Amino acid sequence: MATGMRNDLERWLIHHDHTFADVKDAESIFHIAVKDAGQFGVMIDIFEPNAQPGVLVIGAKVPLRNNQIARYNTFGNDEKANFEKKIAEFCHTIQAINRNVTEDGKRKVGIYVVLDDKAGINQQTVFEAINKVAEMYEKTARFLLKTF
Protein backbone atom coordinates (compact mmCIF):
# COMPACT_ATOMS: atom_id res chain seq x y z
CA MET A 1 0.00 0.00 0.00
CA ALA A 2 2.70 2.49 1.00
CA THR A 3 4.76 1.96 -2.12
CA GLY A 4 1.66 2.28 -4.29
CA MET A 5 0.62 5.50 -2.56
CA ARG A 6 4.11 6.94 -2.91
CA ASN A 7 4.31 5.94 -6.59
CA ASP A 8 0.90 7.49 -7.29
CA LEU A 9 1.87 10.67 -5.46
CA GLU A 10 5.16 11.03 -7.35
CA ARG A 11 3.40 10.44 -10.68
CA TRP A 12 0.79 13.10 -9.88
CA LEU A 13 3.46 15.61 -8.81
CA ILE A 14 5.45 15.01 -12.01
CA HIS A 15 2.28 15.34 -14.07
CA HIS A 16 1.67 18.77 -12.49
CA ASP A 17 5.32 19.84 -13.04
CA HIS A 18 6.16 20.01 -9.32
CA THR A 19 9.72 19.76 -8.08
CA PHE A 20 10.08 17.48 -5.08
CA ALA A 21 12.69 15.66 -3.02
CA ASP A 22 12.84 12.85 -0.48
CA VAL A 23 13.18 13.85 3.16
CA LYS A 24 14.95 11.55 5.62
CA ASP A 25 12.42 10.92 8.34
CA ALA A 26 12.51 7.95 10.73
CA GLU A 27 8.88 8.57 11.75
CA SER A 28 7.44 8.12 8.25
CA ILE A 29 7.09 5.35 5.70
CA PHE A 30 7.90 8.04 3.12
CA HIS A 31 8.25 11.82 3.27
CA ILE A 32 8.41 14.12 0.26
CA ALA A 33 9.03 17.89 0.23
CA VAL A 34 7.30 19.68 -2.64
CA LYS A 35 8.73 23.04 -3.70
CA ASP A 36 6.56 25.97 -4.78
CA ALA A 37 3.25 24.18 -4.24
CA GLY A 38 -0.28 25.50 -4.23
CA GLN A 39 -1.47 28.88 -5.36
CA PHE A 40 1.00 30.65 -3.03
CA GLY A 41 4.09 28.62 -3.97
CA VAL A 42 5.00 27.35 -0.51
CA MET A 43 7.10 24.37 0.56
CA ILE A 44 4.72 21.49 1.32
CA ASP A 45 5.53 18.26 3.14
CA ILE A 46 3.65 15.08 2.25
CA PHE A 47 4.22 11.98 4.34
CA GLU A 48 2.76 8.68 5.50
CA PRO A 49 3.40 8.22 9.23
CA ASN A 50 4.79 4.88 10.42
CA ALA A 51 2.14 4.87 13.15
CA GLN A 52 -0.70 5.30 10.62
CA PRO A 53 -0.11 3.33 7.42
CA GLY A 54 -2.50 4.35 4.65
CA VAL A 55 -2.88 7.87 6.04
CA LEU A 56 -1.46 10.77 4.06
CA VAL A 57 -0.47 13.96 5.90
CA ILE A 58 -0.02 17.15 3.89
CA GLY A 59 1.37 20.19 5.64
CA ALA A 60 3.66 23.19 5.77
CA LYS A 61 5.66 24.98 8.45
CA VAL A 62 5.25 28.72 8.87
CA PRO A 63 8.46 30.16 10.36
CA LEU A 64 8.30 32.97 12.85
CA ARG A 65 10.38 35.99 11.85
CA ASN A 66 13.64 36.63 13.68
CA ASN A 67 12.16 39.45 15.79
CA GLN A 68 9.20 37.20 16.69
CA ILE A 69 11.54 34.39 17.73
CA ALA A 70 13.57 36.81 19.85
CA ARG A 71 10.36 38.00 21.52
CA TYR A 72 9.10 34.43 22.02
CA ASN A 73 12.40 33.49 23.68
CA THR A 74 11.87 36.21 26.31
CA PHE A 75 8.50 34.72 27.31
CA GLY A 76 8.04 32.82 30.53
CA ASN A 77 6.32 29.43 30.51
CA ASP A 78 2.84 30.91 31.02
CA GLU A 79 3.30 33.40 28.18
CA LYS A 80 4.58 30.66 25.87
CA ALA A 81 1.61 28.45 26.75
CA ASN A 82 -0.79 31.36 26.14
CA PHE A 83 0.84 32.11 22.77
CA GLU A 84 0.60 28.47 21.70
CA LYS A 85 -3.04 28.37 22.83
CA LYS A 86 -3.80 31.40 20.63
CA ILE A 87 -2.16 29.68 17.67
CA ALA A 88 -4.11 26.47 18.31
CA GLU A 89 -7.38 28.42 18.52
CA PHE A 90 -6.61 30.21 15.27
CA CYS A 91 -5.66 26.97 13.52
CA HIS A 92 -8.94 25.44 14.68
CA THR A 93 -10.84 28.29 12.99
CA ILE A 94 -9.16 27.52 9.65
CA GLN A 95 -9.61 23.75 10.15
CA ALA A 96 -5.88 23.04 10.40
CA ILE A 97 -4.19 20.53 12.64
CA ASN A 98 -1.23 22.36 14.13
CA ARG A 99 2.02 21.55 15.87
CA ASN A 100 4.53 24.08 17.16
CA VAL A 101 8.11 23.01 16.44
CA THR A 102 11.66 24.27 16.64
CA GLU A 103 13.88 23.36 13.69
CA ASP A 104 17.36 24.68 12.95
CA GLY A 105 16.96 27.15 15.82
CA LYS A 106 13.78 28.62 14.32
CA ARG A 107 10.34 28.47 15.86
CA LYS A 108 7.71 27.30 13.36
CA VAL A 109 3.98 26.63 13.29
CA GLY A 110 3.23 23.41 11.44
CA ILE A 111 -0.20 23.26 9.80
CA TYR A 112 -1.55 19.99 8.44
CA VAL A 113 -4.42 18.32 6.61
CA VAL A 114 -4.87 14.57 7.10
CA LEU A 115 -6.27 12.36 4.35
CA ASP A 116 -7.35 9.13 6.02
CA ASP A 117 -9.92 7.73 3.61
CA LYS A 118 -7.71 5.22 1.78
CA ALA A 119 -10.24 4.78 -1.02
CA GLY A 120 -10.64 8.55 -1.37
CA ILE A 121 -6.95 9.44 -1.70
CA ASN A 122 -6.60 10.34 -5.35
CA GLN A 123 -5.04 13.01 -7.52
CA GLN A 124 -7.91 15.44 -7.02
CA THR A 125 -8.09 15.10 -3.21
CA VAL A 126 -4.29 15.40 -2.89
CA PHE A 127 -4.12 18.62 -4.94
CA GLU A 128 -7.16 20.06 -3.15
CA ALA A 129 -5.35 19.39 0.14
CA ILE A 130 -2.11 20.96 -1.19
CA ASN A 131 -4.03 24.10 -2.18
CA LYS A 132 -5.82 24.16 1.17
CA VAL A 133 -2.51 23.88 3.06
CA ALA A 134 -0.99 26.67 0.94
CA GLU A 135 -3.98 28.89 1.75
CA MET A 136 -3.77 28.00 5.47
CA TYR A 137 -0.04 28.82 5.36
CA GLU A 138 -0.81 32.33 4.09
CA LYS A 139 -3.58 32.85 6.66
CA THR A 140 -1.32 31.64 9.48
CA ALA A 141 1.54 33.89 8.35
CA ARG A 142 -0.82 36.90 8.32
CA PHE A 143 -2.20 35.92 11.74
CA LEU A 144 1.33 35.78 13.19
CA LEU A 145 2.17 39.21 11.73
CA LYS A 146 -1.01 40.79 13.12
CA THR A 147 -1.01 39.25 16.58
CA PHE A 148 2.63 38.76 17.43
C-alpha atoms as a PDB file:
ATOM      1  CA  MET A   1       0.000   0.000   0.000  1.00  0.00           C
ATOM      2  CA  ALA A   2       2.696   2.486   0.997  1.00  0.00           C
ATOM      3  CA  THR A   3       4.756   1.959  -2.120  1.00  0.00           C
ATOM      4  CA  GLY A   4       1.658   2.281  -4.286  1.00  0.00           C
ATOM      5  CA  MET A   5       0.625   5.503  -2.555  1.00  0.00           C
ATOM      6  CA  ARG A   6       4.111   6.944  -2.914  1.00  0.00           C
ATOM      7  CA  ASN A   7       4.313   5.941  -6.595  1.00  0.00           C
ATOM      8  CA  ASP A   8       0.901   7.493  -7.287  1.00  0.00           C
ATOM      9  CA  LEU A   9       1.874  10.671  -5.458  1.00  0.00           C
ATOM     10  CA  GLU A  10       5.158  11.034  -7.349  1.00  0.00           C
ATOM     11  CA  ARG A  11       3.403  10.437 -10.676  1.00  0.00           C
ATOM     12  CA  TRP A  12       0.789  13.101  -9.885  1.00  0.00           C
ATOM     13  CA  LEU A  13       3.458  15.609  -8.808  1.00  0.00           C
ATOM     14  CA  ILE A  14       5.453  15.014 -12.008  1.00  0.00           C
ATOM     15  CA  HIS A  15       2.277  15.338 -14.074  1.00  0.00           C
ATOM     16  CA  HIS A  16       1.667  18.765 -12.491  1.00  0.00           C
ATOM     17  CA  ASP A  17       5.319  19.838 -13.035  1.00  0.00           C
ATOM     18  CA  HIS A  18       6.156  20.008  -9.324  1.00  0.00           C
ATOM     19  CA  THR A  19       9.722  19.765  -8.080  1.00  0.00           C
ATOM     20  CA  PHE A  20      10.079  17.479  -5.080  1.00  0.00           C
ATOM     21  CA  ALA A  21      12.688  15.664  -3.017  1.00  0.00           C
ATOM     22  CA  ASP A  22      12.840  12.855  -0.479  1.00  0.00           C
ATOM     23  CA  VAL A  23      13.184  13.848   3.159  1.00  0.00           C
ATOM     24  CA  LYS A  24      14.951  11.549   5.617  1.00  0.00           C
ATOM     25  CA  ASP A  25      12.420  10.915   8.342  1.00  0.00           C
ATOM     26  CA  ALA A  26      12.511   7.954  10.731  1.00  0.00           C
ATOM     27  CA  GLU A  27       8.876   8.575  11.751  1.00  0.00           C
ATOM     28  CA  SER A  28       7.442   8.123   8.245  1.00  0.00           C
ATOM     29  CA  ILE A  29       7.089   5.355   5.698  1.00  0.00           C
ATOM     30  CA  PHE A  30       7.896   8.044   3.123  1.00  0.00           C
ATOM     31  CA  HIS A  31       8.252  11.819   3.275  1.00  0.00           C
ATOM     32  CA  ILE A  32       8.406  14.124   0.261  1.00  0.00           C
ATOM     33  CA  ALA A  33       9.034  17.887   0.228  1.00  0.00           C
ATOM     34  CA  VAL A  34       7.297  19.679  -2.641  1.00  0.00           C
ATOM     35  CA  LYS A  35       8.730  23.041  -3.697  1.00  0.00           C
ATOM     36  CA  ASP A  36       6.560  25.975  -4.780  1.00  0.00           C
ATOM     37  CA  ALA A  37       3.250  24.175  -4.236  1.00  0.00           C
ATOM     38  CA  GLY A  38      -0.285  25.496  -4.233  1.00  0.00           C
ATOM     39  CA  GLN A  39      -1.475  28.881  -5.356  1.00  0.00           C
ATOM     40  CA  PHE A  40       0.997  30.645  -3.029  1.00  0.00           C
ATOM     41  CA  GLY A  41       4.095  28.623  -3.972  1.00  0.00           C
ATOM     42  CA  VAL A  42       4.995  27.353  -0.508  1.00  0.00           C
ATOM     43  CA  MET A  43       7.101  24.366   0.564  1.00  0.00           C
ATOM     44  CA  ILE A  44       4.719  21.490   1.321  1.00  0.00           C
ATOM     45  CA  ASP A  45       5.534  18.260   3.144  1.00  0.00           C
ATOM     46  CA  ILE A  46       3.649  15.080   2.250  1.00  0.00           C
ATOM     47  CA  PHE A  47       4.215  11.982   4.345  1.00  0.00           C
ATOM     48  CA  GLU A  48       2.762   8.681   5.495  1.00  0.00           C
ATOM     49  CA  PRO A  49       3.395   8.225   9.230  1.00  0.00           C
ATOM     50  CA  ASN A  50       4.794   4.875  10.422  1.00  0.00           C
ATOM     51  CA  ALA A  51       2.141   4.874  13.148  1.00  0.00           C
ATOM     52  CA  GLN A  52      -0.696   5.298  10.623  1.00  0.00           C
ATOM     53  CA  PRO A  53      -0.105   3.327   7.421  1.00  0.00           C
ATOM     54  CA  GLY A  54      -2.495   4.351   4.646  1.00  0.00           C
ATOM     55  CA  VAL A  55      -2.881   7.871   6.037  1.00  0.00           C
ATOM     56  CA  LEU A  56      -1.455  10.775   4.065  1.00  0.00           C
ATOM     57  CA  VAL A  57      -0.467  13.956   5.902  1.00  0.00           C
ATOM     58  CA  ILE A  58      -0.022  17.147   3.894  1.00  0.00           C
ATOM     59  CA  GLY A  59       1.375  20.194   5.638  1.00  0.00           C
ATOM     60  CA  ALA A  60       3.661  23.186   5.771  1.00  0.00           C
ATOM     61  CA  LYS A  61       5.657  24.981   8.447  1.00  0.00           C
ATOM     62  CA  VAL A  62       5.251  28.721   8.872  1.00  0.00           C
ATOM     63  CA  PRO A  63       8.457  30.159  10.361  1.00  0.00           C
ATOM     64  CA  LEU A  64       8.302  32.973  12.848  1.00  0.00           C
ATOM     65  CA  ARG A  65      10.378  35.990  11.852  1.00  0.00           C
ATOM     66  CA  ASN A  66      13.642  36.627  13.679  1.00  0.00           C
ATOM     67  CA  ASN A  67      12.159  39.449  15.791  1.00  0.00           C
ATOM     68  CA  GLN A  68       9.201  37.201  16.688  1.00  0.00           C
ATOM     69  CA  ILE A  69      11.541  34.388  17.733  1.00  0.00           C
ATOM     70  CA  ALA A  70      13.570  36.813  19.847  1.00  0.00           C
ATOM     71  CA  ARG A  71      10.361  38.004  21.523  1.00  0.00           C
ATOM     72  CA  TYR A  72       9.095  34.430  22.023  1.00  0.00           C
ATOM     73  CA  ASN A  73      12.405  33.494  23.678  1.00  0.00           C
ATOM     74  CA  THR A  74      11.870  36.207  26.314  1.00  0.00           C
ATOM     75  CA  PHE A  75       8.504  34.716  27.311  1.00  0.00           C
ATOM     76  CA  GLY A  76       8.043  32.821  30.534  1.00  0.00           C
ATOM     77  CA  ASN A  77       6.321  29.428  30.513  1.00  0.00           C
ATOM     78  CA  ASP A  78       2.840  30.908  31.022  1.00  0.00           C
ATOM     79  CA  GLU A  79       3.302  33.400  28.175  1.00  0.00           C
ATOM     80  CA  LYS A  80       4.582  30.658  25.867  1.00  0.00           C
ATOM     81  CA  ALA A  81       1.612  28.445  26.747  1.00  0.00           C
ATOM     82  CA  ASN A  82      -0.788  31.364  26.141  1.00  0.00           C
ATOM     83  CA  PHE A  83       0.843  32.113  22.769  1.00  0.00           C
ATOM     84  CA  GLU A  84       0.603  28.469  21.703  1.00  0.00           C
ATOM     85  CA  LYS A  85      -3.035  28.373  22.828  1.00  0.00           C
ATOM     86  CA  LYS A  86      -3.805  31.404  20.630  1.00  0.00           C
ATOM     87  CA  ILE A  87      -2.155  29.680  17.671  1.00  0.00           C
ATOM     88  CA  ALA A  88      -4.105  26.468  18.314  1.00  0.00           C
ATOM     89  CA  GLU A  89      -7.382  28.419  18.516  1.00  0.00           C
ATOM     90  CA  PHE A  90      -6.608  30.214  15.265  1.00  0.00           C
ATOM     91  CA  CYS A  91      -5.663  26.965  13.516  1.00  0.00           C
ATOM     92  CA  HIS A  92      -8.935  25.443  14.684  1.00  0.00           C
ATOM     93  CA  THR A  93     -10.841  28.289  12.986  1.00  0.00           C
ATOM     94  CA  ILE A  94      -9.156  27.524   9.649  1.00  0.00           C
ATOM     95  CA  GLN A  95      -9.608  23.746  10.149  1.00  0.00           C
ATOM     96  CA  ALA A  96      -5.877  23.035  10.402  1.00  0.00           C
ATOM     97  CA  ILE A  97      -4.193  20.534  12.642  1.00  0.00           C
ATOM     98  CA  ASN A  98      -1.225  22.356  14.134  1.00  0.00           C
ATOM     99  CA  ARG A  99       2.016  21.547  15.865  1.00  0.00           C
ATOM    100  CA  ASN A 100       4.531  24.083  17.157  1.00  0.00           C
ATOM    101  CA  VAL A 101       8.105  23.005  16.443  1.00  0.00           C
ATOM    102  CA  THR A 102      11.662  24.268  16.638  1.00  0.00           C
ATOM    103  CA  GLU A 103      13.884  23.358  13.688  1.00  0.00           C
ATOM    104  CA  ASP A 104      17.364  24.683  12.954  1.00  0.00           C
ATOM    105  CA  GLY A 105      16.961  27.152  15.819  1.00  0.00           C
ATOM    106  CA  LYS A 106      13.783  28.624  14.316  1.00  0.00           C
ATOM    107  CA  ARG A 107      10.340  28.470  15.860  1.00  0.00           C
ATOM    108  CA  LYS A 108       7.706  27.296  13.361  1.00  0.00           C
ATOM    109  CA  VAL A 109       3.983  26.633  13.289  1.00  0.00           C
ATOM    110  CA  GLY A 110       3.225  23.407  11.438  1.00  0.00           C
ATOM    111  CA  ILE A 111      -0.200  23.257   9.803  1.00  0.00           C
ATOM    112  CA  TYR A 112      -1.552  19.994   8.440  1.00  0.00           C
ATOM    113  CA  VAL A 113      -4.416  18.322   6.608  1.00  0.00           C
ATOM    114  CA  VAL A 114      -4.872  14.574   7.097  1.00  0.00           C
ATOM    115  CA  LEU A 115      -6.273  12.358   4.350  1.00  0.00           C
ATOM    116  CA  ASP A 116      -7.348   9.130   6.019  1.00  0.00           C
ATOM    117  CA  ASP A 117      -9.919   7.730   3.605  1.00  0.00           C
ATOM    118  CA  LYS A 118      -7.705   5.220   1.778  1.00  0.00           C
ATOM    119  CA  ALA A 119     -10.236   4.777  -1.021  1.00  0.00           C
ATOM    120  CA  GLY A 120     -10.638   8.553  -1.371  1.00  0.00           C
ATOM    121  CA  ILE A 121      -6.954   9.440  -1.697  1.00  0.00           C
ATOM    122  CA  ASN A 122      -6.603  10.338  -5.349  1.00  0.00           C
ATOM    123  CA  GLN A 123      -5.037  13.012  -7.516  1.00  0.00           C
ATOM    124  CA  GLN A 124      -7.907  15.443  -7.019  1.00  0.00           C
ATOM    125  CA  THR A 125      -8.093  15.101  -3.213  1.00  0.00           C
ATOM    126  CA  VAL A 126      -4.292  15.403  -2.889  1.00  0.00           C
ATOM    127  CA  PHE A 127      -4.119  18.616  -4.936  1.00  0.00           C
ATOM    128  CA  GLU A 128      -7.157  20.056  -3.155  1.00  0.00           C
ATOM    129  CA  ALA A 129      -5.349  19.393   0.142  1.00  0.00           C
ATOM    130  CA  ILE A 130      -2.114  20.960  -1.187  1.00  0.00           C
ATOM    131  CA  ASN A 131      -4.029  24.104  -2.180  1.00  0.00           C
ATOM    132  CA  LYS A 132      -5.825  24.158   1.173  1.00  0.00           C
ATOM    133  CA  VAL A 133      -2.513  23.885   3.057  1.00  0.00           C
ATOM    134  CA  ALA A 134      -0.989  26.670   0.937  1.00  0.00           C
ATOM    135  CA  GLU A 135      -3.979  28.887   1.748  1.00  0.00           C
ATOM    136  CA  MET A 136      -3.769  27.998   5.468  1.00  0.00           C
ATOM    137  CA  TYR A 137      -0.039  28.816   5.357  1.00  0.00           C
ATOM    138  CA  GLU A 138      -0.810  32.328   4.091  1.00  0.00           C
ATOM    139  CA  LYS A 139      -3.582  32.854   6.665  1.00  0.00           C
ATOM    140  CA  THR A 140      -1.322  31.636   9.479  1.00  0.00           C
ATOM    141  CA  ALA A 141       1.545  33.885   8.355  1.00  0.00           C
ATOM    142  CA  ARG A 142      -0.819  36.898   8.318  1.00  0.00           C
ATOM    143  CA  PHE A 143      -2.195  35.916  11.740  1.00  0.00           C
ATOM    144  CA  LEU A 144       1.326  35.780  13.188  1.00  0.00           C
ATOM    145  CA  LEU A 145       2.169  39.208  11.730  1.00  0.00           C
ATOM    146  CA  LYS A 146      -1.008  40.787  13.123  1.00  0.00           C
ATOM    147  CA  THR A 147      -1.006  39.247  16.578  1.00  0.00           C
ATOM    148  CA  PHE A 148       2.625  38.764  17.434  1.00  0.00           C
END
